[in-house]
Amino acid sequence: LDERWGLDHGTWSVLCHVFLGANIPVVQLSIDETQPAAFRYELGKHRLADHLALVVVSADYSVRKPNPLLVEVAAARLGIPPKAVWFIGDRLDTDVAGAKAAGMTAVWFNPGDRSDPGSAASC
């Protein structure tokens, strides 16, 4: 858990003020196999999952972002066509690429004008 930005990297705190009273489903996507099992446990222990419409775990589908399967599954389980989804993520190489591949509107959430975390991995 990123203590500075929270579970959603701060995106929900922005959305709930911009779209007051809107019923926006929030999904936690891609708790992957590199995360300890305690990560899932923490979602339940602190009742964070109660505030999410859905939790999609990439390890359950044997793929990782940017594979569009994950975001397609999330949209299908919510009954929302991919073209109606705004996917907000903090990485261009995984979050934005996967959302675009699925036909979603992709938004790079970049607080503090950071460089893309994925760009260092590709150097």
N, C-alpha and C. Protein backbone atom coordinates (compact mmCIF):
# COMPACT_ATOMS: atom_id res chain seq x y z
N LEU A 1 0.85 -1.18 0.00
CA LEU A 1 0.00 0.00 0.00
C LEU A 1 0.89 1.24 0.00
N ASP A 2 0.66 2.13 -0.91
CA ASP A 2 1.42 3.37 -0.98
C ASP A 2 0.80 4.33 0.03
N GLU A 3 1.49 4.56 1.12
CA GLU A 3 0.94 5.39 2.20
C GLU A 3 0.70 6.84 1.77
N ARG A 4 1.42 7.30 0.76
CA ARG A 4 1.24 8.68 0.31
C ARG A 4 -0.03 8.87 -0.49
N TRP A 5 -0.38 7.90 -1.31
CA TRP A 5 -1.51 8.06 -2.21
C TRP A 5 -2.66 7.11 -1.94
N GLY A 6 -2.44 6.08 -1.15
CA GLY A 6 -3.51 5.14 -0.85
C GLY A 6 -3.63 4.04 -1.88
N LEU A 7 -4.63 3.21 -1.70
CA LEU A 7 -4.82 2.03 -2.53
C LEU A 7 -4.99 2.38 -4.00
N ASP A 8 -5.64 3.49 -4.28
CA ASP A 8 -5.95 3.85 -5.67
C ASP A 8 -5.03 4.94 -6.20
N HIS A 9 -3.92 5.16 -5.56
CA HIS A 9 -2.95 6.19 -5.97
C HIS A 9 -3.55 7.60 -5.94
N GLY A 10 -4.65 7.77 -5.22
CA GLY A 10 -5.26 9.08 -5.09
C GLY A 10 -6.32 9.41 -6.11
N THR A 11 -6.62 8.49 -7.03
CA THR A 11 -7.57 8.82 -8.09
C THR A 11 -8.99 8.98 -7.57
N TRP A 12 -9.42 8.13 -6.64
CA TRP A 12 -10.79 8.24 -6.15
C TRP A 12 -11.02 9.56 -5.44
N SER A 13 -10.05 10.02 -4.70
CA SER A 13 -10.23 11.29 -3.98
C SER A 13 -10.45 12.44 -4.95
N VAL A 14 -9.90 12.34 -6.14
CA VAL A 14 -10.12 13.36 -7.17
C VAL A 14 -11.51 13.17 -7.79
N LEU A 15 -11.84 11.94 -8.18
CA LEU A 15 -13.11 11.68 -8.85
C LEU A 15 -14.32 12.03 -8.00
N CYS A 16 -14.27 11.71 -6.71
CA CYS A 16 -15.46 11.94 -5.88
C CYS A 16 -15.73 13.43 -5.71
N HIS A 17 -14.73 14.29 -5.88
CA HIS A 17 -14.95 15.73 -5.79
C HIS A 17 -15.36 16.32 -7.15
N VAL A 18 -14.85 15.75 -8.22
CA VAL A 18 -15.17 16.24 -9.55
C VAL A 18 -16.59 15.84 -9.94
N PHE A 19 -16.98 14.61 -9.61
CA PHE A 19 -18.29 14.09 -9.99
C PHE A 19 -19.12 13.87 -8.74
N LEU A 20 -19.47 14.96 -8.06
CA LEU A 20 -20.24 14.88 -6.83
C LEU A 20 -21.54 14.12 -7.04
N GLY A 21 -21.80 13.15 -6.18
CA GLY A 21 -23.05 12.39 -6.24
C GLY A 21 -23.12 11.37 -7.35
N ALA A 22 -22.08 11.25 -8.15
CA ALA A 22 -22.09 10.28 -9.25
C ALA A 22 -21.86 8.88 -8.69
N ASN A 23 -22.49 7.92 -9.29
CA ASN A 23 -22.31 6.54 -8.90
C ASN A 23 -21.23 5.94 -9.80
N ILE A 24 -19.97 6.16 -9.44
CA ILE A 24 -18.86 5.70 -10.25
C ILE A 24 -18.31 4.42 -9.64
N PRO A 25 -18.41 3.29 -10.36
CA PRO A 25 -17.84 2.06 -9.80
C PRO A 25 -16.32 2.13 -9.83
N VAL A 26 -15.69 1.80 -8.73
CA VAL A 26 -14.24 1.80 -8.62
C VAL A 26 -13.77 0.36 -8.52
N VAL A 27 -12.77 0.02 -9.33
CA VAL A 27 -12.27 -1.34 -9.40
C VAL A 27 -10.79 -1.36 -9.01
N GLN A 28 -10.41 -2.30 -8.17
CA GLN A 28 -8.99 -2.55 -7.91
C GLN A 28 -8.57 -3.63 -8.88
N LEU A 29 -7.66 -3.29 -9.77
CA LEU A 29 -7.26 -4.18 -10.84
C LEU A 29 -5.82 -4.61 -10.66
N SER A 30 -5.58 -5.89 -10.87
CA SER A 30 -4.24 -6.43 -11.03
C SER A 30 -3.43 -6.50 -9.76
N ILE A 31 -3.96 -7.15 -8.75
CA ILE A 31 -3.11 -7.57 -7.64
C ILE A 31 -2.43 -8.82 -8.17
N ASP A 32 -1.16 -8.71 -8.52
CA ASP A 32 -0.51 -9.81 -9.22
C ASP A 32 0.27 -10.73 -8.28
N GLU A 33 0.86 -11.73 -8.89
CA GLU A 33 1.57 -12.73 -8.11
C GLU A 33 2.81 -12.19 -7.40
N THR A 34 3.25 -11.01 -7.77
CA THR A 34 4.41 -10.44 -7.08
C THR A 34 4.02 -9.81 -5.75
N GLN A 35 2.71 -9.61 -5.53
CA GLN A 35 2.23 -9.05 -4.27
C GLN A 35 2.07 -10.17 -3.25
N PRO A 36 2.40 -9.91 -2.01
CA PRO A 36 2.20 -10.95 -0.99
C PRO A 36 0.72 -11.23 -0.80
N ALA A 37 0.42 -12.46 -0.35
CA ALA A 37 -0.97 -12.84 -0.10
C ALA A 37 -1.63 -11.88 0.89
N ALA A 38 -0.85 -11.25 1.73
CA ALA A 38 -1.38 -10.32 2.72
C ALA A 38 -2.07 -9.13 2.06
N PHE A 39 -1.72 -8.80 0.83
CA PHE A 39 -2.34 -7.66 0.15
C PHE A 39 -3.84 -7.88 0.00
N ARG A 40 -4.23 -9.08 -0.44
CA ARG A 40 -5.66 -9.40 -0.54
C ARG A 40 -6.31 -9.40 0.84
N TYR A 41 -5.60 -9.95 1.80
CA TYR A 41 -6.11 -10.00 3.17
C TYR A 41 -6.38 -8.59 3.70
N GLU A 42 -5.47 -7.66 3.41
CA GLU A 42 -5.63 -6.28 3.89
C GLU A 42 -6.88 -5.62 3.31
N LEU A 43 -7.21 -5.94 2.06
CA LEU A 43 -8.43 -5.39 1.46
C LEU A 43 -9.65 -5.76 2.30
N GLY A 44 -9.69 -7.01 2.75
CA GLY A 44 -10.81 -7.46 3.57
C GLY A 44 -10.73 -7.00 5.01
N LYS A 45 -9.56 -7.08 5.58
CA LYS A 45 -9.37 -6.73 6.99
C LYS A 45 -9.79 -5.30 7.28
N HIS A 46 -9.43 -4.40 6.42
CA HIS A 46 -9.74 -2.97 6.62
C HIS A 46 -11.01 -2.56 5.90
N ARG A 47 -11.75 -3.54 5.37
CA ARG A 47 -13.02 -3.34 4.70
C ARG A 47 -12.89 -2.42 3.48
N LEU A 48 -11.69 -2.38 2.90
CA LEU A 48 -11.49 -1.56 1.71
C LEU A 48 -12.28 -2.13 0.53
N ALA A 49 -12.38 -3.44 0.46
CA ALA A 49 -13.12 -4.06 -0.64
C ALA A 49 -14.60 -3.67 -0.61
N ASP A 50 -15.10 -3.28 0.55
CA ASP A 50 -16.50 -2.84 0.66
C ASP A 50 -16.76 -1.57 -0.16
N HIS A 51 -15.71 -0.83 -0.45
CA HIS A 51 -15.84 0.43 -1.19
C HIS A 51 -15.54 0.26 -2.67
N LEU A 52 -15.27 -0.98 -3.08
CA LEU A 52 -14.95 -1.26 -4.47
C LEU A 52 -16.09 -2.02 -5.12
N ALA A 53 -16.35 -1.72 -6.36
CA ALA A 53 -17.38 -2.46 -7.10
C ALA A 53 -16.87 -3.85 -7.45
N LEU A 54 -15.55 -3.99 -7.55
CA LEU A 54 -14.98 -5.22 -8.06
C LEU A 54 -13.49 -5.25 -7.75
N VAL A 55 -12.95 -6.43 -7.52
CA VAL A 55 -11.51 -6.63 -7.41
C VAL A 55 -11.14 -7.67 -8.46
N VAL A 56 -10.26 -7.31 -9.38
CA VAL A 56 -9.79 -8.22 -10.42
C VAL A 56 -8.32 -8.50 -10.15
N VAL A 57 -8.01 -9.77 -9.99
CA VAL A 57 -6.65 -10.19 -9.63
C VAL A 57 -6.01 -10.85 -10.85
N SER A 58 -4.94 -10.26 -11.34
CA SER A 58 -4.33 -10.77 -12.57
C SER A 58 -3.85 -12.21 -12.41
N ALA A 59 -3.38 -12.58 -11.25
CA ALA A 59 -2.90 -13.95 -11.04
C ALA A 59 -4.02 -14.97 -11.26
N ASP A 60 -5.27 -14.58 -11.04
CA ASP A 60 -6.41 -15.48 -11.27
C ASP A 60 -6.62 -15.76 -12.75
N TYR A 61 -6.09 -14.90 -13.62
CA TYR A 61 -6.27 -15.05 -15.06
C TYR A 61 -4.96 -15.40 -15.77
N SER A 62 -3.89 -15.57 -15.01
CA SER A 62 -2.58 -15.94 -15.54
C SER A 62 -2.04 -14.96 -16.58
N VAL A 63 -2.43 -13.70 -16.45
CA VAL A 63 -1.89 -12.65 -17.32
C VAL A 63 -1.61 -11.42 -16.45
N ARG A 64 -0.84 -10.52 -17.00
CA ARG A 64 -0.55 -9.27 -16.30
C ARG A 64 -0.79 -8.11 -17.26
N LYS A 65 -1.01 -6.92 -16.69
CA LYS A 65 -1.12 -5.73 -17.53
C LYS A 65 0.20 -5.59 -18.30
N PRO A 66 0.15 -5.23 -19.55
CA PRO A 66 -0.90 -4.55 -20.30
C PRO A 66 -1.85 -5.48 -21.07
N ASN A 67 -1.87 -6.76 -20.78
CA ASN A 67 -2.81 -7.65 -21.46
C ASN A 67 -4.23 -7.09 -21.27
N PRO A 68 -4.94 -6.82 -22.37
CA PRO A 68 -6.26 -6.20 -22.25
C PRO A 68 -7.32 -7.11 -21.61
N LEU A 69 -7.03 -8.41 -21.46
CA LEU A 69 -8.00 -9.33 -20.87
C LEU A 69 -8.47 -8.84 -19.50
N LEU A 70 -7.57 -8.31 -18.70
CA LEU A 70 -7.92 -7.88 -17.34
C LEU A 70 -8.96 -6.77 -17.33
N VAL A 71 -8.76 -5.76 -18.15
CA VAL A 71 -9.70 -4.65 -18.16
C VAL A 71 -10.99 -5.04 -18.88
N GLU A 72 -10.89 -5.94 -19.85
CA GLU A 72 -12.09 -6.44 -20.53
C GLU A 72 -12.96 -7.24 -19.55
N VAL A 73 -12.32 -8.06 -18.71
CA VAL A 73 -13.05 -8.84 -17.70
C VAL A 73 -13.74 -7.89 -16.72
N ALA A 74 -13.02 -6.87 -16.26
CA ALA A 74 -13.61 -5.92 -15.31
C ALA A 74 -14.83 -5.23 -15.92
N ALA A 75 -14.72 -4.78 -17.16
CA ALA A 75 -15.85 -4.11 -17.81
C ALA A 75 -17.02 -5.07 -17.98
N ALA A 76 -16.74 -6.29 -18.41
CA ALA A 76 -17.81 -7.28 -18.61
C ALA A 76 -18.50 -7.61 -17.30
N ARG A 77 -17.74 -7.78 -16.23
CA ARG A 77 -18.35 -8.11 -14.94
C ARG A 77 -19.19 -6.96 -14.39
N LEU A 78 -18.87 -5.74 -14.80
CA LEU A 78 -19.67 -4.58 -14.39
C LEU A 78 -20.82 -4.31 -15.36
N GLY A 79 -20.81 -5.00 -16.50
CA GLY A 79 -21.85 -4.78 -17.50
C GLY A 79 -21.70 -3.46 -18.24
N ILE A 80 -20.46 -3.01 -18.40
CA ILE A 80 -20.18 -1.73 -19.05
C ILE A 80 -19.36 -2.00 -20.31
N PRO A 81 -19.74 -1.44 -21.46
CA PRO A 81 -18.92 -1.65 -22.65
C PRO A 81 -17.57 -0.96 -22.48
N PRO A 82 -16.49 -1.59 -22.95
CA PRO A 82 -15.15 -1.00 -22.79
C PRO A 82 -15.06 0.45 -23.25
N LYS A 83 -15.76 0.82 -24.32
CA LYS A 83 -15.66 2.20 -24.82
C LYS A 83 -16.25 3.22 -23.85
N ALA A 84 -17.04 2.76 -22.86
CA ALA A 84 -17.63 3.66 -21.87
C ALA A 84 -16.78 3.78 -20.59
N VAL A 85 -15.66 3.06 -20.56
CA VAL A 85 -14.82 3.02 -19.36
C VAL A 85 -13.68 4.03 -19.48
N TRP A 86 -13.46 4.74 -18.38
CA TRP A 86 -12.26 5.56 -18.23
C TRP A 86 -11.34 4.82 -17.29
N PHE A 87 -10.19 4.40 -17.78
CA PHE A 87 -9.22 3.66 -16.98
C PHE A 87 -8.14 4.64 -16.53
N ILE A 88 -7.97 4.78 -15.25
CA ILE A 88 -6.97 5.70 -14.70
C ILE A 88 -5.85 4.88 -14.09
N GLY A 89 -4.66 5.10 -14.57
CA GLY A 89 -3.51 4.36 -14.06
C GLY A 89 -2.27 5.23 -13.98
N ASP A 90 -1.29 4.75 -13.25
CA ASP A 90 -0.09 5.56 -13.04
C ASP A 90 1.11 5.08 -13.86
N ARG A 91 0.88 4.15 -14.80
CA ARG A 91 1.97 3.69 -15.66
C ARG A 91 1.52 3.71 -17.12
N LEU A 92 2.35 4.29 -17.97
CA LEU A 92 2.04 4.32 -19.39
C LEU A 92 2.20 2.95 -20.03
N ASP A 93 3.24 2.23 -19.63
CA ASP A 93 3.57 0.96 -20.29
C ASP A 93 2.61 -0.17 -19.96
N THR A 94 1.93 -0.12 -18.82
CA THR A 94 1.02 -1.21 -18.45
C THR A 94 -0.43 -0.72 -18.39
N ASP A 95 -0.69 0.27 -17.58
CA ASP A 95 -2.06 0.75 -17.38
C ASP A 95 -2.66 1.37 -18.64
N VAL A 96 -1.99 2.37 -19.15
CA VAL A 96 -2.51 3.09 -20.31
C VAL A 96 -2.50 2.20 -21.55
N ALA A 97 -1.44 1.43 -21.75
CA ALA A 97 -1.35 0.54 -22.91
C ALA A 97 -2.46 -0.51 -22.89
N GLY A 98 -2.70 -1.12 -21.75
CA GLY A 98 -3.75 -2.15 -21.65
C GLY A 98 -5.14 -1.59 -21.88
N ALA A 99 -5.41 -0.42 -21.30
CA ALA A 99 -6.72 0.20 -21.47
C ALA A 99 -6.96 0.59 -22.94
N LYS A 100 -5.95 1.16 -23.57
CA LYS A 100 -6.09 1.54 -24.99
C LYS A 100 -6.31 0.30 -25.86
N ALA A 101 -5.60 -0.79 -25.55
CA ALA A 101 -5.75 -2.03 -26.33
C ALA A 101 -7.17 -2.58 -26.21
N ALA A 102 -7.83 -2.32 -25.09
CA ALA A 102 -9.21 -2.78 -24.88
C ALA A 102 -10.25 -1.80 -25.42
N GLY A 103 -9.81 -0.66 -25.97
CA GLY A 103 -10.74 0.32 -26.52
C GLY A 103 -11.31 1.27 -25.48
N MET A 104 -10.65 1.39 -24.35
CA MET A 104 -11.12 2.28 -23.27
C MET A 104 -10.44 3.63 -23.38
N THR A 105 -11.01 4.62 -22.72
CA THR A 105 -10.34 5.90 -22.58
C THR A 105 -9.31 5.74 -21.47
N ALA A 106 -8.07 5.97 -21.79
CA ALA A 106 -6.98 5.78 -20.83
C ALA A 106 -6.50 7.14 -20.32
N VAL A 107 -6.35 7.24 -19.01
CA VAL A 107 -5.88 8.47 -18.38
C VAL A 107 -4.65 8.14 -17.55
N TRP A 108 -3.55 8.84 -17.83
CA TRP A 108 -2.34 8.66 -17.03
C TRP A 108 -2.42 9.59 -15.84
N PHE A 109 -2.54 9.02 -14.66
CA PHE A 109 -2.56 9.79 -13.41
C PHE A 109 -1.12 9.99 -12.99
N ASN A 110 -0.68 11.25 -13.02
CA ASN A 110 0.72 11.55 -12.80
C ASN A 110 0.89 12.70 -11.80
N PRO A 111 0.60 12.43 -10.53
CA PRO A 111 0.76 13.50 -9.53
C PRO A 111 2.23 13.89 -9.38
N GLY A 112 2.45 15.14 -9.28
CA GLY A 112 3.82 15.62 -9.09
C GLY A 112 4.67 15.57 -10.34
N ASP A 113 4.05 15.35 -11.52
CA ASP A 113 4.78 15.36 -12.79
C ASP A 113 5.98 14.42 -12.75
N ARG A 114 5.74 13.19 -12.27
CA ARG A 114 6.81 12.18 -12.20
C ARG A 114 7.10 11.64 -13.59
N SER A 115 8.26 11.02 -13.74
CA SER A 115 8.50 10.29 -14.98
C SER A 115 7.76 8.96 -14.86
N ASP A 116 7.45 8.36 -15.99
CA ASP A 116 6.72 7.10 -15.99
C ASP A 116 7.56 6.02 -15.31
N PRO A 117 7.02 5.33 -14.30
CA PRO A 117 7.78 4.29 -13.60
C PRO A 117 8.23 3.17 -14.55
N GLY A 118 7.51 2.95 -15.61
CA GLY A 118 7.88 1.89 -16.55
C GLY A 118 9.01 2.25 -17.47
N SER A 119 9.30 3.55 -17.62
CA SER A 119 10.34 3.96 -18.57
C SER A 119 11.72 3.52 -18.10
N ALA A 120 11.97 3.47 -16.82
CA ALA A 120 13.28 3.03 -16.31
C ALA A 120 13.49 1.55 -16.59
N ALA A 121 12.40 0.75 -16.54
CA ALA A 121 12.51 -0.68 -16.76
C ALA A 121 12.84 -1.00 -18.19
N SER A 122 12.47 -0.11 -19.13
CA SER A 122 12.72 -0.38 -20.54
C SER A 122 14.06 0.13 -21.02
N CYS A 123 14.82 0.79 -20.16
CA CYS A 123 16.13 1.33 -20.57
C CYS A 123 17.19 0.26 -20.57
